[in-house]
Amino acid sequence: MITRVESAAATRRALLDAAAGLLDEGGPEAVTLREVGARAGVSRGAPYRHFADKDDLLTAIAAQAWNSLADEAVTLGADPDLSTRSKVRAMLAGMLATGRQRPHLYRLMHRPPAGPEVLQAAGRSQGPFVAALSDLVGEAQAHRFGAVLLSGVHGAIGMEASGQLTRDKWKTDADDILDTLVGLLPAS
């Protein structure tokens, strides 16, 4: 028999999944608590029992996305078959993939001001990244190199999404930029 806590967790999961689908289809404007509830197949009032308002729901989606990247980073960080440089590249490639495949979600993850829930989840994703960088460049330089790498990839994602980063114009793309940035790291 399913407990009340399990039922509430399943409803919350269904609401988040429905909201993420709406976000992917039409951006934040497409996400309404009424439509999320309808898509999740729950009562009209159910979304309000889990989220104070639309912004609370969108914050939960952004935090969930960061936590997903964090889980991926932890897995990559623990992979004994990958070099440290490959781990760093793969972690950044995960961010690049999110920006390309789910642009509305990516923008939501980076919208200002980020609340505590989003900052905590983002920080969780950055922990394994900084740890891998520490192995490459040393602990004293890891945060600086991390900020440069993340800024570079974020900029490439934005330029690519806006149509300003094209192979015709720049003779490169976001993947090449990612490789170039990782290639700039000192040899370990």
Protein backbone atom coordinates (compact mmCIF):
# COMPACT_ATOMS: atom_id res chain seq x y z
CA MET A 1 0.00 0.00 0.00
CA ILE A 2 1.29 3.46 -0.89
CA THR A 3 1.70 5.86 2.02
CA ARG A 4 0.52 9.45 2.05
CA VAL A 5 4.15 10.63 1.89
CA GLU A 6 4.84 8.40 -1.12
CA SER A 7 1.68 9.63 -2.82
CA ALA A 8 2.63 13.27 -2.22
CA ALA A 9 6.14 12.63 -3.58
CA ALA A 10 4.68 10.94 -6.68
CA THR A 11 2.31 13.86 -7.23
CA ARG A 12 5.14 16.37 -6.87
CA ARG A 13 7.25 14.34 -9.34
CA ALA A 14 4.34 14.26 -11.83
CA LEU A 15 3.84 18.02 -11.46
CA LEU A 16 7.54 18.71 -12.03
CA ASP A 17 7.61 16.42 -15.07
CA ALA A 18 4.51 18.08 -16.53
CA ALA A 19 5.91 21.55 -15.90
CA ALA A 20 9.26 20.63 -17.46
CA GLY A 21 7.43 19.37 -20.55
CA LEU A 22 5.47 22.59 -20.85
CA LEU A 23 8.65 24.61 -20.35
CA ASP A 24 10.41 22.71 -23.13
CA GLU A 25 7.46 23.22 -25.47
CA GLY A 26 6.83 26.91 -24.94
CA GLY A 27 9.09 28.49 -22.37
CA PRO A 28 8.09 29.87 -18.97
CA GLU A 29 5.00 31.54 -20.46
CA ALA A 30 3.57 28.09 -21.28
CA VAL A 31 3.83 26.95 -17.66
CA THR A 32 0.69 27.67 -15.68
CA LEU A 33 -0.27 25.83 -12.52
CA ARG A 34 -3.64 24.98 -14.03
CA GLU A 35 -2.08 23.45 -17.17
CA VAL A 36 0.57 21.66 -15.12
CA GLY A 37 -2.14 20.07 -12.98
CA ALA A 38 -4.17 19.09 -16.03
CA ARG A 39 -1.18 17.55 -17.76
CA ALA A 40 -0.18 15.69 -14.60
CA GLY A 41 -3.73 14.36 -14.25
CA VAL A 42 -4.29 15.73 -10.77
CA SER A 43 -6.91 18.00 -9.24
CA ARG A 44 -6.85 21.74 -9.89
CA GLY A 45 -5.75 22.39 -6.32
CA ALA A 46 -2.91 19.84 -6.25
CA PRO A 47 -0.25 22.11 -7.73
CA TYR A 48 -0.98 24.73 -5.06
CA ARG A 49 -0.42 22.17 -2.32
CA HIS A 50 3.12 21.59 -3.60
CA PHE A 51 4.12 25.01 -4.94
CA ALA A 52 3.23 28.46 -3.63
CA ASP A 53 3.05 29.91 -7.13
CA LYS A 54 4.43 29.60 -10.65
CA ASP A 55 7.78 31.10 -9.65
CA ASP A 56 8.15 28.50 -6.89
CA LEU A 57 7.47 25.76 -9.45
CA LEU A 58 9.96 27.21 -11.94
CA THR A 59 12.57 27.47 -9.19
CA ALA A 60 12.05 23.79 -8.38
CA ILE A 61 12.51 22.89 -12.05
CA ALA A 62 15.75 24.89 -12.24
CA ALA A 63 17.07 23.30 -9.04
CA GLN A 64 16.13 19.85 -10.33
CA ALA A 65 18.07 20.50 -13.54
CA TRP A 66 21.15 21.59 -11.61
CA ASN A 67 20.84 18.51 -9.38
CA SER A 68 20.68 16.33 -12.48
CA LEU A 69 23.91 17.90 -13.75
CA ALA A 70 25.38 17.36 -10.28
CA ASP A 71 24.50 13.66 -10.34
CA GLU A 72 26.13 13.39 -13.77
CA ALA A 73 29.23 15.24 -12.52
CA VAL A 74 29.55 12.95 -9.50
CA THR A 75 29.33 9.90 -11.77
CA LEU A 76 31.92 11.34 -14.17
CA GLY A 77 34.20 12.32 -11.29
CA ALA A 78 34.18 8.76 -9.99
CA ASP A 79 34.81 7.11 -13.38
CA PRO A 80 38.28 5.51 -13.16
CA ASP A 81 38.42 5.01 -16.93
CA LEU A 82 38.33 8.74 -17.75
CA SER A 83 41.30 11.06 -17.54
CA THR A 84 40.79 14.12 -15.39
CA ARG A 85 40.81 16.34 -18.48
CA SER A 86 38.13 14.11 -20.06
CA LYS A 87 36.03 14.39 -16.91
CA VAL A 88 36.20 18.19 -17.03
CA ARG A 89 35.30 18.20 -20.71
CA ALA A 90 32.39 15.81 -20.18
CA MET A 91 31.01 17.90 -17.31
CA LEU A 92 31.09 21.01 -19.48
CA ALA A 93 29.61 19.07 -22.40
CA GLY A 94 26.64 18.21 -20.16
CA MET A 95 25.97 21.90 -19.71
CA LEU A 96 26.38 22.48 -23.45
CA ALA A 97 23.92 19.68 -24.21
CA THR A 98 21.35 21.18 -21.83
CA GLY A 99 21.72 24.56 -23.53
CA ARG A 100 21.21 23.04 -26.95
CA GLN A 101 18.54 20.45 -26.25
CA ARG A 102 16.53 22.33 -23.65
CA PRO A 103 17.14 26.05 -24.22
CA HIS A 104 14.19 27.25 -22.12
CA LEU A 105 15.39 25.13 -19.20
CA TYR A 106 18.95 26.36 -19.62
CA ARG A 107 17.82 30.01 -19.52
CA LEU A 108 15.68 29.23 -16.47
CA MET A 109 18.71 27.71 -14.71
CA HIS A 110 20.63 30.95 -15.26
CA ARG A 111 17.93 33.55 -14.69
CA PRO A 112 18.71 36.22 -12.15
CA PRO A 113 18.35 36.45 -9.28
CA ALA A 114 18.99 32.83 -8.42
CA GLY A 115 17.36 31.86 -5.15
CA PRO A 116 18.96 29.76 -2.42
CA GLU A 117 17.51 26.48 -3.73
CA VAL A 118 18.98 27.05 -7.19
CA LEU A 119 22.32 28.30 -5.84
CA GLN A 120 22.63 25.25 -3.60
CA ALA A 121 21.89 22.86 -6.47
CA ALA A 122 24.26 24.73 -8.82
CA GLY A 123 26.94 24.60 -6.13
CA ARG A 124 26.42 20.87 -5.81
CA SER A 125 27.04 20.48 -9.54
CA GLN A 126 30.16 22.61 -9.36
CA GLY A 127 31.78 20.65 -6.51
CA PRO A 128 32.95 17.68 -8.61
CA PHE A 129 33.94 20.07 -11.41
CA VAL A 130 36.19 22.10 -9.12
CA ALA A 131 37.58 18.90 -7.61
CA ALA A 132 38.57 17.63 -11.07
CA LEU A 133 40.07 21.00 -11.93
CA SER A 134 42.06 20.93 -8.68
CA ASP A 135 43.70 17.73 -9.90
CA LEU A 136 44.70 19.51 -13.12
CA VAL A 137 45.66 23.02 -12.04
CA GLY A 138 45.96 22.81 -8.28
CA GLU A 139 43.52 23.82 -5.61
CA ALA A 140 44.66 27.47 -5.58
CA GLN A 141 43.80 27.94 -9.27
CA ALA A 142 40.81 25.60 -9.65
CA HIS A 143 38.07 28.17 -9.00
CA ARG A 144 39.59 30.75 -11.33
CA PHE A 145 39.97 28.23 -14.16
CA GLY A 146 36.50 26.89 -13.41
CA ALA A 147 34.97 30.35 -13.72
CA VAL A 148 36.78 30.93 -17.01
CA LEU A 149 35.63 27.57 -18.42
CA LEU A 150 32.03 27.98 -17.29
CA SER A 151 31.89 31.57 -18.57
CA GLY A 152 33.31 30.52 -21.92
CA VAL A 153 30.88 27.65 -22.37
CA HIS A 154 27.96 29.78 -21.18
CA GLY A 155 28.92 32.49 -23.68
CA ALA A 156 29.21 29.95 -26.50
CA ILE A 157 25.79 28.54 -25.64
CA GLY A 158 24.27 32.01 -25.69
CA MET A 159 25.95 32.98 -28.95
CA GLU A 160 24.94 29.73 -30.59
CA ALA A 161 21.33 30.02 -29.39
CA SER A 162 21.06 33.56 -30.74
CA GLY A 163 22.46 32.54 -34.11
CA GLN A 164 25.60 34.64 -33.68
CA LEU A 165 27.98 31.69 -33.38
CA THR A 166 27.94 29.99 -36.75
CA ARG A 167 30.58 27.99 -38.54
CA ASP A 168 30.13 30.22 -41.60
CA LYS A 169 30.93 33.36 -39.65
CA TRP A 170 33.46 32.21 -37.05
CA LYS A 171 34.73 28.92 -38.56
CA THR A 172 33.99 27.25 -35.24
CA ASP A 173 31.12 26.13 -33.05
CA ALA A 174 30.43 25.60 -29.36
CA ASP A 175 31.99 22.12 -29.40
CA ASP A 176 35.23 23.48 -30.85
CA ILE A 177 35.21 26.29 -28.31
CA LEU A 178 34.73 23.76 -25.52
CA ASP A 179 37.69 21.74 -26.80
CA THR A 180 39.80 24.89 -27.10
CA LEU A 181 38.98 25.99 -23.57
CA VAL A 182 39.80 22.58 -22.11
CA GLY A 183 42.95 22.50 -24.25
CA LEU A 184 44.11 25.73 -22.62
CA LEU A 185 44.35 24.05 -19.25
CA PRO A 186 47.93 23.35 -18.18
CA ALA A 187 49.14 19.82 -18.78
CA SER A 188 48.82 17.70 -15.67
